[in-house]
Amino acid sequence: MAVSKSKVKTSLLEQLRLLQADKPVFLSLVDDYMKLWTTKEKLLKDIATRGISFEDYSANGKLMMKQNPSTKEVVAVSSQMLKILEQLHISTTTLIAEDEIM
């Protein structure tokens, strides 16, 4: 199920609000997270388009298979996204529902 960028951002901001952590420093981290989210989506699209490996020509003109660099980059970007979530203390075990704060 594809989730829209706006829904992800809204969800993150809501969790910060419920944690009473909706302060500029953390809001900035959400912005960073969303930039990484966009990058991750582009990398995944590249992998879907070109595949994990693709044919390309070497410097001397010989046809060869190359590994798509997006496969390594998507792992690095996802890892950084998880680090931001950890910094914000947002995980499946710490999610707060609106009715839990009443």
PDB file of N, CA and C in Angstrom:
ATOM      1  N   MET A   1       0.840  -1.178   0.000  1.00  0.00           N
ATOM      2  CA  MET A   1       0.000   0.000   0.000  1.00  0.00           C
ATOM      3  C   MET A   1       0.884   1.241   0.000  1.00  0.00           C
ATOM      4  N   ALA A   2       0.744   2.040  -1.011  1.00  0.00           N
ATOM      5  CA  ALA A   2       1.521   3.284  -1.095  1.00  0.00           C
ATOM      6  C   ALA A   2       0.905   4.336  -0.175  1.00  0.00           C
ATOM      7  N   VAL A   3       1.764   4.982   0.564  1.00  0.00           N
ATOM      8  CA  VAL A   3       1.329   6.031   1.472  1.00  0.00           C
ATOM      9  C   VAL A   3       1.849   7.357   0.935  1.00  0.00           C
ATOM     10  N   SER A   4       1.003   8.366   0.931  1.00  0.00           N
ATOM     11  CA  SER A   4       1.407   9.652   0.373  1.00  0.00           C
ATOM     12  C   SER A   4       2.369  10.387   1.303  1.00  0.00           C
ATOM     13  N   LYS A   5       3.161  11.240   0.695  1.00  0.00           N
ATOM     14  CA  LYS A   5       4.125  12.040   1.444  1.00  0.00           C
ATOM     15  C   LYS A   5       3.416  12.909   2.483  1.00  0.00           C
ATOM     16  N   SER A   6       2.307  13.490   2.103  1.00  0.00           N
ATOM     17  CA  SER A   6       1.589  14.367   3.042  1.00  0.00           C
ATOM     18  C   SER A   6       1.054  13.586   4.249  1.00  0.00           C
ATOM     19  N   LYS A   7       0.623  12.342   4.027  1.00  0.00           N
ATOM     20  CA  LYS A   7       0.135  11.527   5.149  1.00  0.00           C
ATOM     21  C   LYS A   7       1.266  11.159   6.102  1.00  0.00           C
ATOM     22  N   VAL A   8       2.436  10.866   5.543  1.00  0.00           N
ATOM     23  CA  VAL A   8       3.590  10.541   6.383  1.00  0.00           C
ATOM     24  C   VAL A   8       3.957  11.757   7.239  1.00  0.00           C
ATOM     25  N   LYS A   9       4.049  12.901   6.605  1.00  0.00           N
ATOM     26  CA  LYS A   9       4.421  14.116   7.345  1.00  0.00           C
ATOM     27  C   LYS A   9       3.377  14.452   8.404  1.00  0.00           C
ATOM     28  N   THR A  10       2.113  14.365   8.046  1.00  0.00           N
ATOM     29  CA  THR A  10       1.041  14.643   9.008  1.00  0.00           C
ATOM     30  C   THR A  10       1.126  13.695  10.197  1.00  0.00           C
ATOM     31  N   SER A  11       1.396  12.436   9.931  1.00  0.00           N
ATOM     32  CA  SER A  11       1.513  11.439  10.992  1.00  0.00           C
ATOM     33  C   SER A  11       2.678  11.759  11.930  1.00  0.00           C
ATOM     34  N   LEU A  12       3.824  12.106  11.361  1.00  0.00           N
ATOM     35  CA  LEU A  12       4.987  12.459  12.182  1.00  0.00           C
ATOM     36  C   LEU A  12       4.701  13.693  13.036  1.00  0.00           C
ATOM     37  N   LEU A  13       4.116  14.702  12.431  1.00  0.00           N
ATOM     38  CA  LEU A  13       3.813  15.927  13.175  1.00  0.00           C
ATOM     39  C   LEU A  13       2.800  15.672  14.290  1.00  0.00           C
ATOM     40  N   GLU A  14       1.842  14.809  14.027  1.00  0.00           N
ATOM     41  CA  GLU A  14       0.845  14.457  15.048  1.00  0.00           C
ATOM     42  C   GLU A  14       1.507  13.744  16.218  1.00  0.00           C
ATOM     43  N   GLN A  15       2.423  12.828  15.945  1.00  0.00           N
ATOM     44  CA  GLN A  15       3.125  12.136  17.027  1.00  0.00           C
ATOM     45  C   GLN A  15       3.941  13.125  17.864  1.00  0.00           C
ATOM     46  N   LEU A  16       4.593  14.078  17.212  1.00  0.00           N
ATOM     47  CA  LEU A  16       5.345  15.092  17.971  1.00  0.00           C
ATOM     48  C   LEU A  16       4.403  15.923  18.840  1.00  0.00           C
ATOM     49  N   ARG A  17       3.261  16.273  18.276  1.00  0.00           N
ATOM     50  CA  ARG A  17       2.285  17.058  19.043  1.00  0.00           C
ATOM     51  C   ARG A  17       1.818  16.269  20.272  1.00  0.00           C
ATOM     52  N   LEU A  18       1.501  14.996  20.077  1.00  0.00           N
ATOM     53  CA  LEU A  18       1.030  14.172  21.180  1.00  0.00           C
ATOM     54  C   LEU A  18       2.122  13.939  22.226  1.00  0.00           C
ATOM     55  N   LEU A  19       3.364  13.915  21.784  1.00  0.00           N
ATOM     56  CA  LEU A  19       4.498  13.774  22.710  1.00  0.00           C
ATOM     57  C   LEU A  19       4.886  15.115  23.341  1.00  0.00           C
ATOM     58  N   GLN A  20       4.183  16.158  22.942  1.00  0.00           N
ATOM     59  CA  GLN A  20       4.486  17.531  23.363  1.00  0.00           C
ATOM     60  C   GLN A  20       5.926  17.895  22.999  1.00  0.00           C
ATOM     61  N   ALA A  21       6.334  17.438  21.833  1.00  0.00           N
ATOM     62  CA  ALA A  21       7.687  17.684  21.343  1.00  0.00           C
ATOM     63  C   ALA A  21       7.671  18.436  20.016  1.00  0.00           C
ATOM     64  N   ASP A  22       6.579  19.135  19.736  1.00  0.00           N
ATOM     65  CA  ASP A  22       6.478  19.863  18.470  1.00  0.00           C
ATOM     66  C   ASP A  22       7.189  21.216  18.582  1.00  0.00           C
ATOM     67  N   LYS A  23       8.489  21.119  18.735  1.00  0.00           N
ATOM     68  CA  LYS A  23       9.377  22.274  18.892  1.00  0.00           C
ATOM     69  C   LYS A  23      10.201  22.427  17.613  1.00  0.00           C
ATOM     70  N   PRO A  24      10.696  23.625  17.344  1.00  0.00           N
ATOM     71  CA  PRO A  24      11.419  23.868  16.081  1.00  0.00           C
ATOM     72  C   PRO A  24      12.523  22.862  15.775  1.00  0.00           C
ATOM     73  N   VAL A  25      13.304  22.477  16.745  1.00  0.00           N
ATOM     74  CA  VAL A  25      14.406  21.540  16.471  1.00  0.00           C
ATOM     75  C   VAL A  25      13.884  20.197  15.976  1.00  0.00           C
ATOM     76  N   PHE A  26      12.776  19.728  16.518  1.00  0.00           N
ATOM     77  CA  PHE A  26      12.212  18.451  16.100  1.00  0.00           C
ATOM     78  C   PHE A  26      11.413  18.584  14.805  1.00  0.00           C
ATOM     79  N   LEU A  27      10.779  19.732  14.616  1.00  0.00           N
ATOM     80  CA  LEU A  27      10.074  19.983  13.362  1.00  0.00           C
ATOM     81  C   LEU A  27      11.064  20.013  12.200  1.00  0.00           C
ATOM     82  N   SER A  28      12.252  20.519  12.461  1.00  0.00           N
ATOM     83  CA  SER A  28      13.309  20.533  11.450  1.00  0.00           C
ATOM     84  C   SER A  28      13.724  19.106  11.094  1.00  0.00           C
ATOM     85  N   LEU A  29      13.776  18.243  12.089  1.00  0.00           N
ATOM     86  CA  LEU A  29      14.101  16.836  11.818  1.00  0.00           C
ATOM     87  C   LEU A  29      13.028  16.165  10.958  1.00  0.00           C
ATOM     88  N   VAL A  30      11.785  16.556  11.165  1.00  0.00           N
ATOM     89  CA  VAL A  30      10.705  16.023  10.324  1.00  0.00           C
ATOM     90  C   VAL A  30      10.919  16.479   8.886  1.00  0.00           C
ATOM     91  N   ASP A  31      11.313  17.738   8.705  1.00  0.00           N
ATOM     92  CA  ASP A  31      11.608  18.216   7.352  1.00  0.00           C
ATOM     93  C   ASP A  31      12.740  17.411   6.721  1.00  0.00           C
ATOM     94  N   ASP A  32      13.784  17.144   7.501  1.00  0.00           N
ATOM     95  CA  ASP A  32      14.901  16.323   7.002  1.00  0.00           C
ATOM     96  C   ASP A  32      14.411  14.926   6.632  1.00  0.00           C
ATOM     97  N   TYR A  33      13.574  14.350   7.478  1.00  0.00           N
ATOM     98  CA  TYR A  33      13.019  13.022   7.232  1.00  0.00           C
ATOM     99  C   TYR A  33      12.256  13.016   5.910  1.00  0.00           C
ATOM    100  N   MET A  34      11.468  14.053   5.675  1.00  0.00           N
ATOM    101  CA  MET A  34      10.658  14.102   4.464  1.00  0.00           C
ATOM    102  C   MET A  34      11.525  14.263   3.216  1.00  0.00           C
ATOM    103  N   LYS A  35      12.625  14.978   3.318  1.00  0.00           N
ATOM    104  CA  LYS A  35      13.553  15.082   2.183  1.00  0.00           C
ATOM    105  C   LYS A  35      14.154  13.710   1.878  1.00  0.00           C
ATOM    106  N   LEU A  36      14.492  12.992   2.925  1.00  0.00           N
ATOM    107  CA  LEU A  36      15.008  11.634   2.739  1.00  0.00           C
ATOM    108  C   LEU A  36      13.930  10.716   2.167  1.00  0.00           C
ATOM    109  N   TRP A  37      12.698  10.910   2.591  1.00  0.00           N
ATOM    110  CA  TRP A  37      11.586  10.112   2.083  1.00  0.00           C
ATOM    111  C   TRP A  37      11.463  10.295   0.569  1.00  0.00           C
ATOM    112  N   THR A  38      11.565  11.550   0.117  1.00  0.00           N
ATOM    113  CA  THR A  38      11.501  11.842  -1.316  1.00  0.00           C
ATOM    114  C   THR A  38      12.658  11.167  -2.051  1.00  0.00           C
ATOM    115  N   THR A  39      13.849  11.255  -1.479  1.00  0.00           N
ATOM    116  CA  THR A  39      15.023  10.620  -2.078  1.00  0.00           C
ATOM    117  C   THR A  39      14.830   9.110  -2.170  1.00  0.00           C
ATOM    118  N   LYS A  40      14.327   8.514  -1.100  1.00  0.00           N
ATOM    119  CA  LYS A  40      14.091   7.062  -1.083  1.00  0.00           C
ATOM    120  C   LYS A  40      13.102   6.655  -2.179  1.00  0.00           C
ATOM    121  N   GLU A  41      12.054   7.408  -2.344  1.00  0.00           N
ATOM    122  CA  GLU A  41      11.059   7.104  -3.373  1.00  0.00           C
ATOM    123  C   GLU A  41      11.673   7.179  -4.770  1.00  0.00           C
ATOM    124  N   LYS A  42      12.538   8.159  -5.004  1.00  0.00           N
ATOM    125  CA  LYS A  42      13.206   8.280  -6.306  1.00  0.00           C
ATOM    126  C   LYS A  42      14.150   7.102  -6.539  1.00  0.00           C
ATOM    127  N   LEU A  43      14.862   6.700  -5.500  1.00  0.00           N
ATOM    128  CA  LEU A  43      15.762   5.551  -5.624  1.00  0.00           C
ATOM    129  C   LEU A  43      14.982   4.282  -5.936  1.00  0.00           C
ATOM    130  N   LEU A  44      13.875   4.083  -5.250  1.00  0.00           N
ATOM    131  CA  LEU A  44      13.048   2.900  -5.497  1.00  0.00           C
ATOM    132  C   LEU A  44      12.470   2.905  -6.912  1.00  0.00           C
ATOM    133  N   LYS A  45      12.116   4.090  -7.394  1.00  0.00           N
ATOM    134  CA  LYS A  45      11.607   4.199  -8.763  1.00  0.00           C
ATOM    135  C   LYS A  45      12.709   3.834  -9.758  1.00  0.00           C
ATOM    136  N   ASP A  46      13.933   4.291  -9.496  1.00  0.00           N
ATOM    137  CA  ASP A  46      15.061   3.950 -10.367  1.00  0.00           C
ATOM    138  C   ASP A  46      15.299   2.441 -10.381  1.00  0.00           C
ATOM    139  N   ILE A  47      15.228   1.824  -9.211  1.00  0.00           N
ATOM    140  CA  ILE A  47      15.417   0.368  -9.130  1.00  0.00           C
ATOM    141  C   ILE A  47      14.301  -0.350  -9.896  1.00  0.00           C
ATOM    142  N   ALA A  48      13.080   0.150  -9.768  1.00  0.00           N
ATOM    143  CA  ALA A  48      11.956  -0.468 -10.489  1.00  0.00           C
ATOM    144  C   ALA A  48      12.124  -0.303 -11.997  1.00  0.00           C
ATOM    145  N   THR A  49      12.694   0.820 -12.418  1.00  0.00           N
ATOM    146  CA  THR A  49      12.868   1.091 -13.841  1.00  0.00           C
ATOM    147  C   THR A  49      14.053   0.337 -14.439  1.00  0.00           C
ATOM    148  N   ARG A  50      15.215   0.454 -13.794  1.00  0.00           N
ATOM    149  CA  ARG A  50      16.439  -0.132 -14.354  1.00  0.00           C
ATOM    150  C   ARG A  50      16.765  -1.511 -13.809  1.00  0.00           C
ATOM    151  N   GLY A  51      16.184  -1.858 -12.673  1.00  0.00           N
ATOM    152  CA  GLY A  51      16.477  -3.145 -12.049  1.00  0.00           C
ATOM    153  C   GLY A  51      17.659  -3.046 -11.102  1.00  0.00           C
ATOM    154  N   ILE A  52      17.976  -4.173 -10.477  1.00  0.00           N
ATOM    155  CA  ILE A  52      19.088  -4.230  -9.533  1.00  0.00           C
ATOM    156  C   ILE A  52      20.414  -4.117 -10.276  1.00  0.00           C
ATOM    157  N   SER A  53      20.445  -4.665 -11.471  1.00  0.00           N
ATOM    158  CA  SER A  53      21.613  -4.501 -12.334  1.00  0.00           C
ATOM    159  C   SER A  53      21.109  -4.169 -13.737  1.00  0.00           C
ATOM    160  N   PHE A  54      21.988  -3.567 -14.526  1.00  0.00           N
ATOM    161  CA  PHE A  54      21.587  -3.147 -15.858  1.00  0.00           C
ATOM    162  C   PHE A  54      22.783  -3.208 -16.799  1.00  0.00           C
ATOM    163  N   GLU A  55      22.480  -3.265 -18.095  1.00  0.00           N
ATOM    164  CA  GLU A  55      23.539  -3.266 -19.093  1.00  0.00           C
ATOM    165  C   GLU A  55      24.028  -1.852 -19.331  1.00  0.00           C
ATOM    166  N   ASP A  56      25.338  -1.716 -19.454  1.00  0.00           N
ATOM    167  CA  ASP A  56      25.945  -0.423 -19.731  1.00  0.00           C
ATOM    168  C   ASP A  56      27.253  -0.674 -20.468  1.00  0.00           C
ATOM    169  N   TYR A  57      27.796   0.339 -21.001  1.00  0.00           N
ATOM    170  CA  TYR A  57      29.063   0.203 -21.719  1.00  0.00           C
ATOM    171  C   TYR A  57      30.218   0.656 -20.840  1.00  0.00           C
ATOM    172  N   SER A  58      31.304  -0.103 -20.896  1.00  0.00           N
ATOM    173  CA  SER A  58      32.515   0.254 -20.160  1.00  0.00           C
ATOM    174  C   SER A  58      33.207   1.405 -20.886  1.00  0.00           C
ATOM    175  N   ALA A  59      34.268   1.915 -20.263  1.00  0.00           N
ATOM    176  CA  ALA A  59      35.018   3.020 -20.856  1.00  0.00           C
ATOM    177  C   ALA A  59      35.584   2.657 -22.233  1.00  0.00           C
ATOM    178  N   ASN A  60      35.858   1.377 -22.458  1.00  0.00           N
ATOM    179  CA  ASN A  60      36.405   0.972 -23.764  1.00  0.00           C
ATOM    180  C   ASN A  60      35.318   0.500 -24.739  1.00  0.00           C
ATOM    181  N   GLY A  61      34.043   0.725 -24.365  1.00  0.00           N
ATOM    182  CA  GLY A  61      32.938   0.437 -25.269  1.00  0.00           C
ATOM    183  C   GLY A  61      32.392  -0.978 -25.225  1.00  0.00           C
ATOM    184  N   LYS A  62      32.830  -1.764 -24.272  1.00  0.00           N
ATOM    185  CA  LYS A  62      32.355  -3.137 -24.158  1.00  0.00           C
ATOM    186  C   LYS A  62      31.062  -3.169 -23.325  1.00  0.00           C
ATOM    187  N   LEU A  63      30.073  -3.906 -23.812  1.00  0.00           N
ATOM    188  CA  LEU A  63      28.803  -4.043 -23.091  1.00  0.00           C
ATOM    189  C   LEU A  63      29.019  -4.914 -21.862  1.00  0.00           C
ATOM    190  N   MET A  64      28.528  -4.461 -20.730  1.00  0.00           N
ATOM    191  CA  MET A  64      28.711  -5.202 -19.484  1.00  0.00           C
ATOM    192  C   MET A  64      27.530  -4.953 -18.557  1.00  0.00           C
ATOM    193  N   MET A  65      27.401  -5.792 -17.543  1.00  0.00           N
ATOM    194  CA  MET A  65      26.370  -5.612 -16.518  1.00  0.00           C
ATOM    195  C   MET A  65      26.956  -4.799 -15.375  1.00  0.00           C
ATOM    196  N   LYS A  66      26.180  -3.824 -14.912  1.00  0.00           N
ATOM    197  CA  LYS A  66      26.594  -3.003 -13.781  1.00  0.00           C
ATOM    198  C   LYS A  66      25.542  -3.108 -12.689  1.00  0.00           C
ATOM    199  N   GLN A  67      26.000  -3.048 -11.460  1.00  0.00           N
ATOM    200  CA  GLN A  67      25.050  -3.008 -10.352  1.00  0.00           C
ATOM    201  C   GLN A  67      24.481  -1.599 -10.268  1.00  0.00           C
ATOM    202  N   ASN A  68      23.180  -1.517 -10.074  1.00  0.00           N
ATOM    203  CA  ASN A  68      22.526  -0.223  -9.938  1.00  0.00           C
ATOM    204  C   ASN A  68      22.941   0.389  -8.592  1.00  0.00           C
ATOM    205  N   PRO A  69      23.596   1.553  -8.597  1.00  0.00           N
ATOM    206  CA  PRO A  69      24.027   2.162  -7.337  1.00  0.00           C
ATOM    207  C   PRO A  69      22.858   2.552  -6.432  1.00  0.00           C
ATOM    208  N   SER A  70      21.670   2.653  -6.995  1.00  0.00           N
ATOM    209  CA  SER A  70      20.494   2.988  -6.181  1.00  0.00           C
ATOM    210  C   SER A  70      20.203   1.931  -5.133  1.00  0.00           C
ATOM    211  N   THR A  71      20.611   0.673  -5.397  1.00  0.00           N
ATOM    212  CA  THR A  71      20.346  -0.392  -4.429  1.00  0.00           C
ATOM    213  C   THR A  71      21.101  -0.158  -3.121  1.00  0.00           C
ATOM    214  N   LYS A  72      22.335   0.317  -3.214  1.00  0.00           N
ATOM    215  CA  LYS A  72      23.100   0.618  -1.999  1.00  0.00           C
ATOM    216  C   LYS A  72      22.625   1.919  -1.364  1.00  0.00           C
ATOM    217  N   GLU A  73      22.305   2.884  -2.207  1.00  0.00           N
ATOM    218  CA  GLU A  73      21.883   4.189  -1.700  1.00  0.00           C
ATOM    219  C   GLU A  73      20.563   4.109  -0.934  1.00  0.00           C
ATOM    220  N   VAL A  74      19.635   3.279  -1.400  1.00  0.00           N
ATOM    221  CA  VAL A  74      18.338   3.187  -0.724  1.00  0.00           C
ATOM    222  C   VAL A  74      18.506   2.611   0.684  1.00  0.00           C
ATOM    223  N   VAL A  75      19.461   1.716   0.858  1.00  0.00           N
ATOM    224  CA  VAL A  75      19.732   1.169   2.188  1.00  0.00           C
ATOM    225  C   VAL A  75      20.276   2.259   3.109  1.00  0.00           C
ATOM    226  N   ALA A  76      21.199   3.062   2.596  1.00  0.00           N
ATOM    227  CA  ALA A  76      21.784   4.136   3.398  1.00  0.00           C
ATOM    228  C   ALA A  76      20.733   5.188   3.769  1.00  0.00           C
ATOM    229  N   VAL A  77      19.889   5.540   2.817  1.00  0.00           N
ATOM    230  CA  VAL A  77      18.845   6.539   3.076  1.00  0.00           C
ATOM    231  C   VAL A  77      17.841   6.004   4.093  1.00  0.00           C
ATOM    232  N   SER A  78      17.429   4.760   3.932  1.00  0.00           N
ATOM    233  CA  SER A  78      16.482   4.155   4.877  1.00  0.00           C
ATOM    234  C   SER A  78      17.070   4.104   6.283  1.00  0.00           C
ATOM    235  N   SER A  79      18.349   3.799   6.378  1.00  0.00           N
ATOM    236  CA  SER A  79      19.018   3.764   7.670  1.00  0.00           C
ATOM    237  C   SER A  79      19.001   5.142   8.333  1.00  0.00           C
ATOM    238  N   GLN A  80      19.260   6.176   7.558  1.00  0.00           N
ATOM    239  CA  GLN A  80      19.247   7.536   8.101  1.00  0.00           C
ATOM    240  C   GLN A  80      17.837   7.928   8.538  1.00  0.00           C
ATOM    241  N   MET A  81      16.841   7.501   7.796  1.00  0.00           N
ATOM    242  CA  MET A  81      15.451   7.781   8.164  1.00  0.00           C
ATOM    243  C   MET A  81      15.113   7.135   9.506  1.00  0.00           C
ATOM    244  N   LEU A  82      15.574   5.892   9.688  1.00  0.00           N
ATOM    245  CA  LEU A  82      15.331   5.207  10.960  1.00  0.00           C
ATOM    246  C   LEU A  82      16.028   5.923  12.116  1.00  0.00           C
ATOM    247  N   LYS A  83      17.208   6.454  11.876  1.00  0.00           N
ATOM    248  CA  LYS A  83      17.921   7.197  12.919  1.00  0.00           C
ATOM    249  C   LYS A  83      17.151   8.446  13.329  1.00  0.00           C
ATOM    250  N   ILE A  84      16.541   9.110  12.369  1.00  0.00           N
ATOM    251  CA  ILE A  84      15.730  10.287  12.699  1.00  0.00           C
ATOM    252  C   ILE A  84      14.527   9.876  13.538  1.00  0.00           C
ATOM    253  N   LEU A  85      13.864   8.786  13.150  1.00  0.00           N
ATOM    254  CA  LEU A  85      12.721   8.317  13.938  1.00  0.00           C
ATOM    255  C   LEU A  85      13.148   7.972  15.362  1.00  0.00           C
ATOM    256  N   GLU A  86      14.312   7.353  15.504  1.00  0.00           N
ATOM    257  CA  GLU A  86      14.828   7.034  16.839  1.00  0.00           C
ATOM    258  C   GLU A  86      15.057   8.312  17.638  1.00  0.00           C
ATOM    259  N   GLN A  87      15.645   9.315  17.005  1.00  0.00           N
ATOM    260  CA  GLN A  87      15.903  10.594  17.679  1.00  0.00           C
ATOM    261  C   GLN A  87      14.603  11.251  18.131  1.00  0.00           C
ATOM    262  N   LEU A  88      13.561  11.077  17.341  1.00  0.00           N
ATOM    263  CA  LEU A  88      12.249  11.649  17.674  1.00  0.00           C
ATOM    264  C   LEU A  88      11.463  10.756  18.630  1.00  0.00           C
ATOM    265  N   HIS A  89      12.018   9.592  18.971  1.00  0.00           N
ATOM    266  CA  HIS A  89      11.358   8.608  19.837  1.00  0.00           C
ATOM    267  C   HIS A  89      10.015   8.165  19.264  1.00  0.00           C
ATOM    268  N   ILE A  90      10.027   7.921  17.962  1.00  0.00           N
ATOM    269  CA  ILE A  90       8.830   7.433  17.280  1.00  0.00           C
ATOM    270  C   ILE A  90       9.110   6.022  16.782  1.00  0.00           C
ATOM    271  N   SER A  91       8.339   5.078  17.315  1.00  0.00           N
ATOM    272  CA  SER A  91       8.464   3.684  16.889  1.00  0.00           C
ATOM    273  C   SER A  91       7.116   3.007  17.085  1.00  0.00           C
ATOM    274  N   THR A  92       7.019   1.783  16.659  1.00  0.00           N
ATOM    275  CA  THR A  92       5.757   1.060  16.812  1.00  0.00           C
ATOM    276  C   THR A  92       5.416   0.833  18.287  1.00  0.00           C
ATOM    277  N   THR A  93       6.417   0.860  19.140  1.00  0.00           N
ATOM    278  CA  THR A  93       6.152   0.649  20.563  1.00  0.00           C
ATOM    279  C   THR A  93       5.886   1.946  21.320  1.00  0.00           C
ATOM    280  N   THR A  94       6.108   3.088  20.681  1.00  0.00           N
ATOM    281  CA  THR A  94       5.911   4.365  21.377  1.00  0.00           C
ATOM    282  C   THR A  94       4.808   5.219  20.772  1.00  0.00           C
ATOM    283  N   LEU A  95       4.120   4.712  19.767  1.00  0.00           N
ATOM    284  CA  LEU A  95       3.052   5.503  19.148  1.00  0.00           C
ATOM    285  C   LEU A  95       1.986   5.851  20.176  1.00  0.00           C
ATOM    286  N   ILE A  96       1.493   7.060  20.088  1.00  0.00           N
ATOM    287  CA  ILE A  96       0.474   7.526  21.022  1.00  0.00           C
ATOM    288  C   ILE A  96      -0.799   7.802  20.235  1.00  0.00           C
ATOM    289  N   ALA A  97      -1.903   7.262  20.701  1.00  0.00           N
ATOM    290  CA  ALA A  97      -3.202   7.545  20.118  1.00  0.00           C
ATOM    291  C   ALA A  97      -3.780   8.774  20.800  1.00  0.00           C
ATOM    292  N   GLU A  98      -4.577   9.516  20.079  1.00  0.00           N
ATOM    293  CA  GLU A  98      -5.178  10.752  20.592  1.00  0.00           C
ATOM    294  C   GLU A  98      -5.906  10.507  21.916  1.00  0.00           C
ATOM    295  N   ASP A  99      -6.639   9.391  22.024  1.00  0.00           N
ATOM    296  CA  ASP A  99      -7.408   9.125  23.244  1.00  0.00           C
ATOM    297  C   ASP A  99      -6.553   8.701  24.427  1.00  0.00           C
ATOM    298  N   GLU A 100      -5.266   8.411  24.198  1.00  0.00           N
ATOM    299  CA  GLU A 100      -4.388   8.006  25.291  1.00  0.00           C
ATOM    300  C   GLU A 100      -3.919   9.185  26.149  1.00  0.00           C
ATOM    301  N   ILE A 101      -4.045  10.399  25.644  1.00  0.00           N
ATOM    302  CA  ILE A 101      -3.547  11.555  26.394  1.00  0.00           C
ATOM    303  C   ILE A 101      -4.649  12.225  27.207  1.00  0.00           C
ATOM    304  N   MET A 102      -5.838  11.752  27.077  1.00  0.00           N
ATOM    305  CA  MET A 102      -6.957  12.355  27.818  1.00  0.00           C
ATOM    306  C   MET A 102      -7.037  11.809  29.225  1.00  0.00           C
TER     307      MET A 102
END
